[in-house]
C-alpha cells in the first residue's frame, strides 16, 4: 500500500515522499530509504527494496532529495549537507505524524548521508548502506574535471551520468567537509553493509573501509554480480529480503500486529502502475508473493495462482493424512503429495457428459513412508480425497463478489 506525502524541509521546499505500508498490518517499525546521487525515489531498486521490506512488517519512507525527482529546489542546493538535512527533516515529520523511524537505509551517496544522519538521530536503532563510498569526495569525480573555476562564473553546468546539472562552489566544497569514516567510528548501532565486488562506480574497497570503521554488531553481505544501481529486479528484491531478515534480530520486541480485517482472511494487492503481474498477498500473520512465469509475460518472482491452488490442496492432504494415521496409530512416517493442474478434454478422460469439452483436471499422486500394508494405503488414498480443501475445490462453490 502506497501513500503520497508532501514534506516541507527547513528551507521551505516540498519534498516528494512516498510511504510504503505493509498489507493488513500495523507497521512494526518505520524505515527511511535515502536514494543515490542524482537518482530519485522512483528508481526501480528503491521501490523493490522498499516493497520487499514491507513483507517483513516495515513501513518504508522513500523521498526525493531537494532538487531531484519531484521535489522542489535546484540541484545545486542538493549538496551533501543538504541531503543530510533533508533526511533529518523527513525523520522529524514522520516522527510527529506517525512514529519515529528507527531504521535508516542509504544507497550510494544516500548511504553516506544516512551514516551522518544516524549520528544525529537518537531514534535510529539500525543502519544499512548499499554500495556506499567511504569518502564522499569520491562522488566529485563525476563532475569536478568539468569545472573551470578560472571562469569566475557563479555556477557551472556539468554532465553527470549523461544528464546536465547546474552546480556552484557551495555544492563542490560541501563534498570536502565530512569524513564519513570518522563518523562511522563513533556510531553505536547495528550496521549492515551491502556491496557488489564488481561495483564500477564505488569500488569494493569502500565497503572494507566502512566495515573496518564500524563497531560491532556489524555485518557484510556481498551482492555478487549486481551492478551499482541494482538494475536487475532480482538483485534489488534480494537486497530487501536480506535487510528484512537481518534487521529482525535487532527489533525482537516488535511483533506484527494485524489490522482488524473483519471477516476477510486474505488481501491481494497489485500496483498496475509499477508492477507487471507480481501481486502481494497478506494474511493476518504472513506475507507472500504470487506471479506468472516469464513464458506468459510475468517476472516469475513467486508461485502462480494455480500453483498456490494446488499447493493448498497438497498441504491440506498431508495434514489430513497425518491426523488420520495418528488416530489409527498406523506407522505413517512421511507423506509426499505430487499435484499438477491442466485442462483436458472430456473425451480424453473418457467421461460421458452432456456437453463434451475441456475441463479442469487435477492429478494427485501419493507416496507413503512407513510400515503400511496395502489395505492401509488404500484407506489413506480414500482419506486423501476427504481433506477440506480437496472437497471445497471438488464441490460447487458460491462466490459473493462486491466492489468496495
Protein backbone atom coordinates (compact mmCIF):
# COMPACT_ATOMS: atom_id res chain seq x y z
CA UNK A 1 0.00 0.00 0.00
CA UNK A 2 1.39 3.36 -1.03
CA UNK A 3 0.61 6.84 0.32
CA UNK A 4 1.99 10.04 -1.19
CA UNK A 5 3.17 12.77 1.18
CA UNK A 6 4.49 16.31 0.80
CA UNK A 7 7.04 17.13 3.48
CA UNK A 8 8.39 20.66 3.84
CA UNK A 9 12.10 20.82 4.69
CA UNK A 10 13.82 23.54 6.72
CA UNK A 11 14.28 25.67 3.60
CA UNK A 12 10.58 25.57 2.82
CA UNK A 13 10.87 23.20 -0.14
CA UNK A 14 8.30 20.43 -0.53
CA UNK A 15 9.94 17.02 -0.73
CA UNK A 16 8.06 14.45 -2.77
CA UNK A 17 7.63 11.48 -0.41
CA UNK A 18 6.01 8.06 -0.61
CA UNK A 19 5.11 5.86 2.32
CA UNK A 20 5.01 2.11 1.63
CA UNK A 21 2.89 0.27 4.20
CA UNK A 22 2.62 -3.48 4.83
CA UNK A 23 -0.69 -5.04 3.78
CA UNK A 24 -3.22 -5.62 6.55
CA UNK A 25 -0.70 -4.90 9.30
CA UNK A 26 0.20 -2.09 11.61
CA UNK A 27 3.88 -1.40 10.88
CA UNK A 28 6.19 -2.90 13.45
CA UNK A 29 8.71 -0.14 12.69
CA UNK A 30 9.37 2.70 10.25
CA UNK A 31 12.37 2.91 7.91
CA UNK A 32 13.66 5.73 5.69
CA UNK A 33 15.34 4.99 2.35
CA UNK A 34 17.84 7.57 1.01
CA UNK A 35 18.43 7.25 -2.74
CA UNK A 36 21.72 7.52 -4.64
CA UNK A 37 23.46 10.58 -6.14
CA UNK A 38 21.35 12.27 -8.90
CA UNK A 39 18.73 9.49 -8.58
CA UNK A 40 15.19 9.66 -7.17
CA UNK A 41 12.85 7.63 -5.01
CA UNK A 42 11.14 6.26 -8.14
CA UNK A 43 14.25 4.28 -9.12
CA UNK A 44 13.23 0.65 -9.55
CA UNK A 45 15.79 -0.51 -6.99
CA UNK A 46 14.39 1.86 -4.35
CA UNK A 47 10.83 0.68 -4.98
CA UNK A 48 11.77 -3.00 -4.94
CA UNK A 49 13.80 -2.83 -1.74
CA UNK A 50 11.01 -0.87 -0.06
CA UNK A 51 8.32 -3.35 -1.06
CA UNK A 52 10.40 -6.32 -0.02
CA UNK A 53 10.77 -4.74 3.42
CA UNK A 54 7.01 -4.29 3.79
CA UNK A 55 6.78 -8.09 3.66
CA UNK A 56 8.69 -8.05 6.94
CA UNK A 57 6.20 -5.66 8.53
CA UNK A 58 8.15 -2.43 7.99
CA UNK A 59 6.70 0.84 6.76
CA UNK A 60 9.22 2.42 4.38
CA UNK A 61 9.52 6.12 3.64
CA UNK A 62 11.21 6.96 0.32
CA UNK A 63 11.62 10.54 -0.83
CA UNK A 64 13.38 12.74 -3.38
CA UNK A 65 16.19 14.93 -2.10
CA UNK A 66 15.97 18.68 -2.75
CA UNK A 67 16.17 19.48 -6.47
CA UNK A 68 15.79 15.87 -7.57
CA UNK A 69 12.86 13.84 -8.82
CA UNK A 70 9.63 15.65 -8.00
CA UNK A 71 10.95 17.61 -5.02
CA UNK A 72 11.24 21.38 -5.10
CA UNK A 73 14.51 23.32 -5.19
CA UNK A 74 17.52 23.27 -7.51
CA UNK A 75 20.13 20.55 -7.89
CA UNK A 76 22.83 23.00 -6.78
CA UNK A 77 21.08 23.06 -3.39
CA UNK A 78 21.20 19.26 -3.19
CA UNK A 79 24.74 19.14 -1.86
CA UNK A 80 25.78 16.55 0.71
CA UNK A 81 24.98 18.71 3.75
CA UNK A 82 21.52 19.44 2.35
CA UNK A 83 20.92 15.71 1.83
CA UNK A 84 21.65 15.07 5.50
CA UNK A 85 19.31 17.92 6.48
CA UNK A 86 16.56 16.52 4.25
CA UNK A 87 16.91 13.12 5.92
CA UNK A 88 16.61 14.67 9.37
CA UNK A 89 13.62 16.81 8.30
CA UNK A 90 11.81 13.78 6.85
CA UNK A 91 12.56 11.82 10.01
CA UNK A 92 11.10 14.61 12.15
CA UNK A 93 7.91 14.79 10.07
CA UNK A 94 7.31 11.03 10.18
CA UNK A 95 8.06 11.02 13.91
CA UNK A 96 5.49 13.74 14.58
CA UNK A 97 2.87 12.36 12.16
CA UNK A 98 3.23 8.59 12.57
CA UNK A 99 6.08 7.12 14.60
CA UNK A 100 9.79 7.78 14.91
CA UNK A 101 11.67 5.90 12.14
CA UNK A 102 14.20 3.54 13.69
CA UNK A 103 15.92 2.16 10.57
CA UNK A 104 17.93 4.13 8.00
CA UNK A 105 18.81 2.64 4.61
CA UNK A 106 21.01 4.50 2.17
CA UNK A 107 22.10 3.70 -1.38
CA UNK A 108 25.45 5.05 -2.64
CA UNK A 109 25.79 8.71 -1.55
CA UNK A 110 22.45 8.31 0.21
CA UNK A 111 24.21 5.75 2.38
CA UNK A 112 26.86 8.28 3.37
CA UNK A 113 24.12 10.79 4.21
CA UNK A 114 22.39 8.09 6.27
CA UNK A 115 25.57 7.48 8.27
CA UNK A 116 25.81 11.17 9.19
CA UNK A 117 22.07 11.46 9.88
CA UNK A 118 22.19 8.35 12.10
CA UNK A 119 24.88 10.04 14.20
CA UNK A 120 22.45 12.90 14.87
CA UNK A 121 19.19 10.98 15.40
CA UNK A 122 18.79 9.18 18.72
CA UNK A 123 15.78 7.19 17.47
CA UNK A 124 17.79 5.18 14.92
CA UNK A 125 18.31 1.58 16.08
CA UNK A 126 19.95 0.13 12.96
CA UNK A 127 21.72 1.33 9.80
CA UNK A 128 22.10 -0.19 6.33
CA UNK A 129 24.25 1.07 3.45
CA UNK A 130 24.27 -0.22 -0.13
CA UNK A 131 27.20 0.46 -2.46
CA UNK A 132 28.25 3.43 -0.32
CA UNK A 133 31.50 5.42 -0.65
CA UNK A 134 33.73 5.70 2.40
CA UNK A 135 34.92 9.12 1.22
CA UNK A 136 32.28 11.46 -0.20
CA UNK A 137 34.91 13.36 -2.19
CA UNK A 138 34.80 10.20 -4.31
CA UNK A 139 31.48 11.46 -5.68
CA UNK A 140 33.06 14.64 -7.01
CA UNK A 141 34.96 12.64 -9.61
CA UNK A 142 31.74 12.53 -11.63
CA UNK A 143 31.90 16.27 -12.33
CA UNK A 144 34.99 18.00 -10.92
CA UNK A 145 37.03 17.76 -14.14
CA UNK A 146 34.26 19.69 -15.94
CA UNK A 147 34.53 22.70 -13.60
CA UNK A 148 36.60 25.67 -14.71
CA UNK A 149 36.94 27.92 -11.66
CA UNK A 150 39.06 30.37 -13.60
CA UNK A 151 35.92 31.47 -15.42
CA UNK A 152 34.72 33.34 -12.28
CA UNK A 153 31.18 32.22 -13.06
CA UNK A 154 28.76 31.81 -10.10
CA UNK A 155 27.63 28.41 -11.37
CA UNK A 156 28.75 25.64 -13.71
CA UNK A 157 26.83 23.30 -15.98
CA UNK A 158 28.17 19.76 -15.80
CA UNK A 159 27.18 16.41 -17.23
CA UNK A 160 26.59 13.62 -14.73
CA UNK A 161 25.52 10.23 -15.99
CA UNK A 162 24.51 11.68 -19.34
CA UNK A 163 22.30 14.40 -17.84
CA UNK A 164 23.03 18.13 -17.48
CA UNK A 165 23.11 19.68 -13.99
CA UNK A 166 23.91 23.15 -12.72
CA UNK A 167 26.16 23.30 -9.63
CA UNK A 168 28.03 26.02 -7.71
CA UNK A 169 31.03 26.39 -5.40
CA UNK A 170 28.99 25.55 -2.28
CA UNK A 171 27.91 22.30 -3.92
CA UNK A 172 31.54 21.41 -4.72
CA UNK A 173 33.04 22.48 -1.39
CA UNK A 174 30.41 20.54 0.59
CA UNK A 175 31.93 17.26 -0.54
CA UNK A 176 35.11 18.11 1.39
CA UNK A 177 33.61 18.90 4.79
CA UNK A 178 32.67 15.48 6.20
CA UNK A 179 34.88 12.45 6.85
CA UNK A 180 32.45 9.54 6.71
CA UNK A 181 34.87 7.00 8.21
CA UNK A 182 35.35 9.22 11.29
CA UNK A 183 31.57 9.47 11.76
CA UNK A 184 31.20 5.70 11.37
CA UNK A 185 33.75 5.08 14.11
CA UNK A 186 31.53 6.89 16.62
CA UNK A 187 28.25 5.11 15.83
CA UNK A 188 26.93 2.63 18.40
CA UNK A 189 24.16 0.91 16.45
CA UNK A 190 23.96 -2.36 14.45
CA UNK A 191 25.30 -1.87 10.93
CA UNK A 192 24.82 -3.83 7.69
CA UNK A 193 26.98 -3.14 4.65
CA UNK A 194 25.88 -4.50 1.25
CA UNK A 195 28.24 -4.04 -1.69
CA UNK A 196 28.97 -5.70 -5.01
CA UNK A 197 32.60 -6.80 -5.54
CA UNK A 198 32.32 -5.73 -9.20
CA UNK A 199 30.82 -2.29 -8.50
CA UNK A 200 32.47 0.00 -11.06
CA UNK A 201 31.06 3.23 -9.63
CA UNK A 202 32.00 2.74 -5.96
CA UNK A 203 34.76 0.15 -5.60
CA UNK A 204 34.60 -2.67 -3.08
CA UNK A 205 37.49 -1.11 -1.12
CA UNK A 206 34.97 1.44 0.16
CA UNK A 207 32.97 -1.33 1.80
CA UNK A 208 36.10 -2.59 3.55
CA UNK A 209 36.90 0.85 4.97
CA UNK A 210 33.37 1.38 6.26
CA UNK A 211 33.16 -2.12 7.70
CA UNK A 212 36.50 -1.78 9.50
CA UNK A 213 35.46 1.59 10.92
CA UNK A 214 32.12 0.28 12.22
CA UNK A 215 31.70 -1.18 15.68
CA UNK A 216 30.04 -4.49 16.45
CA UNK A 217 27.44 -5.68 15.76
CA UNK A 218 28.41 -5.20 12.11
CA UNK A 219 27.66 -7.36 9.09
CA UNK A 220 28.70 -7.51 5.45
CA UNK A 221 26.86 -9.16 2.55
CA UNK A 222 28.40 -9.41 -0.91
CA UNK A 223 26.00 -8.60 -3.75
CA UNK A 224 27.93 -10.91 -6.07
CA UNK A 225 27.45 -9.76 -9.70
CA UNK A 226 24.99 -6.90 -9.09
CA UNK A 227 25.70 -3.52 -10.65
CA UNK A 228 25.90 -0.29 -8.66
CA UNK A 229 22.31 0.79 -9.34
CA UNK A 230 20.85 -2.71 -8.75
CA UNK A 231 19.23 -2.51 -12.17
CA UNK A 232 18.16 -6.15 -12.17
CA UNK A 233 14.93 -6.62 -10.27
CA UNK A 234 16.11 -9.85 -8.67
CA UNK A 235 19.11 -8.02 -7.16
CA UNK A 236 17.05 -5.27 -5.52
CA UNK A 237 14.46 -7.74 -4.23
CA UNK A 238 17.29 -9.84 -2.79
CA UNK A 239 18.68 -6.76 -1.03
CA UNK A 240 15.27 -6.07 0.50
CA UNK A 241 14.95 -9.64 1.75
CA UNK A 242 18.46 -9.63 3.23
CA UNK A 243 17.78 -6.38 5.07
CA UNK A 244 14.43 -7.68 6.31
CA UNK A 245 15.96 -10.87 7.69
CA UNK A 246 18.98 -9.12 9.19
CA UNK A 247 17.13 -6.31 10.94
CA UNK A 248 14.60 -8.60 12.63
CA UNK A 249 17.32 -9.59 15.09
CA UNK A 250 17.51 -6.01 16.33
CA UNK A 251 13.76 -5.46 16.69
CA UNK A 252 12.85 -8.58 18.72
CA UNK A 253 10.37 -6.76 20.94
CA UNK A 254 8.33 -5.51 17.99
CA UNK A 255 5.82 -8.00 16.63
CA UNK A 256 3.46 -7.60 13.70
CA UNK A 257 0.00 -6.54 14.78
CA UNK A 258 -2.69 -7.41 12.29
CA UNK A 259 -5.26 -4.81 11.41
CA UNK A 260 -8.87 -5.71 12.03
CA UNK A 261 -9.91 -7.10 8.66
CA UNK A 262 -13.33 -8.20 9.81
CA UNK A 263 -14.29 -11.42 8.05
CA UNK A 264 -11.60 -11.06 5.37
CA UNK A 265 -8.92 -13.72 5.70
CA UNK A 266 -6.56 -12.59 2.94
CA UNK A 267 -5.87 -9.50 0.86
CA UNK A 268 -4.15 -9.35 -2.54
CA UNK A 269 -2.69 -6.13 -3.95
CA UNK A 270 -1.33 -5.39 -7.44
CA UNK A 271 0.07 -1.96 -8.35
CA UNK A 272 -0.66 -1.76 -12.09
CA UNK A 273 1.41 1.41 -12.50
CA UNK A 274 4.64 -0.09 -11.19
CA UNK A 275 4.30 -3.87 -11.44
CA UNK A 276 3.60 -6.41 -14.14
CA UNK A 277 1.78 -9.39 -12.59
CA UNK A 278 3.65 -9.50 -9.27
CA UNK A 279 0.95 -9.49 -6.59
CA UNK A 280 1.46 -9.06 -2.85
CA UNK A 281 -0.63 -11.34 -0.67
CA UNK A 282 -1.15 -10.95 3.06
CA UNK A 283 -2.93 -12.79 5.83
CA UNK A 284 -3.06 -11.64 9.43
CA UNK A 285 0.36 -13.13 10.11
CA UNK A 286 2.05 -13.91 6.79
CA UNK A 287 3.12 -12.13 3.60
CA UNK A 288 3.92 -13.75 0.27
CA UNK A 289 4.01 -13.09 -3.49
CA UNK A 290 2.19 -14.52 -6.48
CA UNK A 291 3.35 -14.04 -10.07
CA UNK A 292 3.19 -15.54 -13.54
CA UNK A 293 6.08 -17.26 -15.32
CA UNK A 294 8.15 -15.42 -17.90
CA UNK A 295 6.66 -17.55 -20.69
CA UNK A 296 3.38 -15.63 -20.42
CA UNK A 297 4.81 -12.21 -19.61
CA UNK A 298 5.36 -12.44 -15.85
CA UNK A 299 8.52 -11.96 -13.80
CA UNK A 300 8.28 -15.34 -12.01
CA UNK A 301 9.04 -13.84 -8.58
CA UNK A 302 6.57 -16.18 -6.88
CA UNK A 303 4.28 -19.16 -7.49
CA UNK A 304 1.43 -18.70 -9.96
CA UNK A 305 -2.21 -18.58 -8.76
CA UNK A 306 -2.77 -22.18 -9.88
CA UNK A 307 0.39 -23.28 -8.09
CA UNK A 308 -1.00 -21.75 -4.91
CA UNK A 309 -4.28 -23.58 -5.53
CA UNK A 310 -2.61 -26.95 -5.93
CA UNK A 311 -0.27 -26.18 -3.04
CA UNK A 312 -3.24 -25.65 -0.74
CA UNK A 313 -4.69 -29.00 -1.80
CA UNK A 314 -1.37 -30.75 -1.24
CA UNK A 315 -0.80 -29.15 2.16
CA UNK A 316 -4.31 -29.94 3.35
CA UNK A 317 -3.93 -33.53 2.11
CA UNK A 318 -0.72 -34.14 4.06
CA UNK A 319 -2.18 -32.70 7.26
CA UNK A 320 -5.40 -34.71 6.95
CA UNK A 321 -3.48 -37.94 6.38
CA UNK A 322 -1.25 -37.22 9.38
CA UNK A 323 -4.26 -36.76 11.69
CA UNK A 324 -5.99 -39.89 10.41
CA UNK A 325 -2.90 -42.11 10.68
CA UNK A 326 -2.13 -40.85 14.18
CA UNK A 327 -5.69 -41.53 15.30
CA UNK A 328 -5.44 -45.06 13.92
CA UNK A 329 -1.93 -45.45 15.37
CA UNK A 330 -0.59 -46.51 11.96
CA UNK A 331 3.14 -46.36 11.16
CA UNK A 332 2.93 -43.45 8.72
CA UNK A 333 6.27 -41.61 8.97
CA UNK A 334 6.29 -39.36 5.89
CA UNK A 335 3.85 -38.28 3.19
CA UNK A 336 4.61 -36.99 -0.31
CA UNK A 337 1.84 -35.46 -2.42
CA UNK A 338 2.52 -34.72 -6.09
CA UNK A 339 -0.08 -32.47 -7.74
CA UNK A 340 -0.46 -30.95 -11.18
CA UNK A 341 -3.26 -28.97 -12.82
CA UNK A 342 -4.19 -28.93 -16.51
CA UNK A 343 -7.12 -28.57 -18.91
CA UNK A 344 -8.10 -31.82 -20.58
CA UNK A 345 -10.85 -32.79 -22.96
CA UNK A 346 -13.64 -34.90 -21.52
CA UNK A 347 -13.15 -37.48 -24.31
CA UNK A 348 -9.50 -37.97 -23.26
CA UNK A 349 -10.71 -38.59 -19.73
CA UNK A 350 -13.34 -40.98 -21.05
CA UNK A 351 -16.14 -39.01 -19.43
CA UNK A 352 -19.67 -39.34 -20.73
CA UNK A 353 -21.10 -35.86 -20.23
CA UNK A 354 -23.92 -33.94 -21.91
CA UNK A 355 -21.65 -31.27 -23.42
CA UNK A 356 -18.16 -32.62 -24.16
CA UNK A 357 -15.33 -30.13 -23.87
CA UNK A 358 -12.26 -29.11 -21.94
CA UNK A 359 -12.46 -29.29 -18.16
CA UNK A 360 -10.09 -28.72 -15.25
CA UNK A 361 -8.10 -31.79 -14.33
CA UNK A 362 -6.03 -32.22 -11.16
CA UNK A 363 -3.67 -35.15 -10.79
CA UNK A 364 -2.83 -36.18 -7.23
CA UNK A 365 -0.18 -38.84 -6.58
CA UNK A 366 0.61 -40.13 -3.09
CA UNK A 367 3.75 -41.67 -1.64
CA UNK A 368 3.78 -43.08 1.89
CA UNK A 369 6.83 -43.84 4.01
CA UNK A 370 6.28 -46.30 6.85
CA UNK A 371 5.35 -49.88 7.66
CA UNK A 372 1.92 -49.94 5.98
CA UNK A 373 0.06 -52.81 4.32
CA UNK A 374 -1.92 -52.48 1.07
CA UNK A 375 -5.24 -52.11 2.88
CA UNK A 376 -3.92 -49.21 4.96
CA UNK A 377 -2.54 -47.50 1.85
CA UNK A 378 -5.88 -47.85 0.07
CA UNK A 379 -7.68 -46.34 3.07
CA UNK A 380 -5.22 -43.43 3.16
CA UNK A 381 -5.84 -42.92 -0.55
CA UNK A 382 -9.56 -42.61 0.15
CA UNK A 383 -8.93 -40.22 3.06
CA UNK A 384 -6.76 -38.04 0.77
CA UNK A 385 -9.92 -37.06 -1.10
CA UNK A 386 -11.68 -36.05 2.11
CA UNK A 387 -9.39 -33.20 3.15
CA UNK A 388 -11.35 -29.91 3.45
CA UNK A 389 -9.59 -28.06 0.62
CA UNK A 390 -9.93 -31.01 -1.78
CA UNK A 391 -13.64 -31.19 -1.02
CA UNK A 392 -14.02 -27.41 -1.49
CA UNK A 393 -12.35 -27.46 -4.90
CA UNK A 394 -14.32 -30.54 -5.98
CA UNK A 395 -17.68 -29.13 -4.92
CA UNK A 396 -19.84 -26.32 -6.23
CA UNK A 397 -18.69 -23.03 -4.70
CA UNK A 398 -20.79 -19.88 -4.39
CA UNK A 399 -18.89 -16.59 -4.78
CA UNK A 400 -20.14 -13.37 -3.26
CA UNK A 401 -18.40 -10.51 -5.10
CA UNK A 402 -18.63 -6.86 -4.04
CA UNK A 403 -16.85 -3.70 -5.15
CA UNK A 404 -15.51 -1.66 -2.22
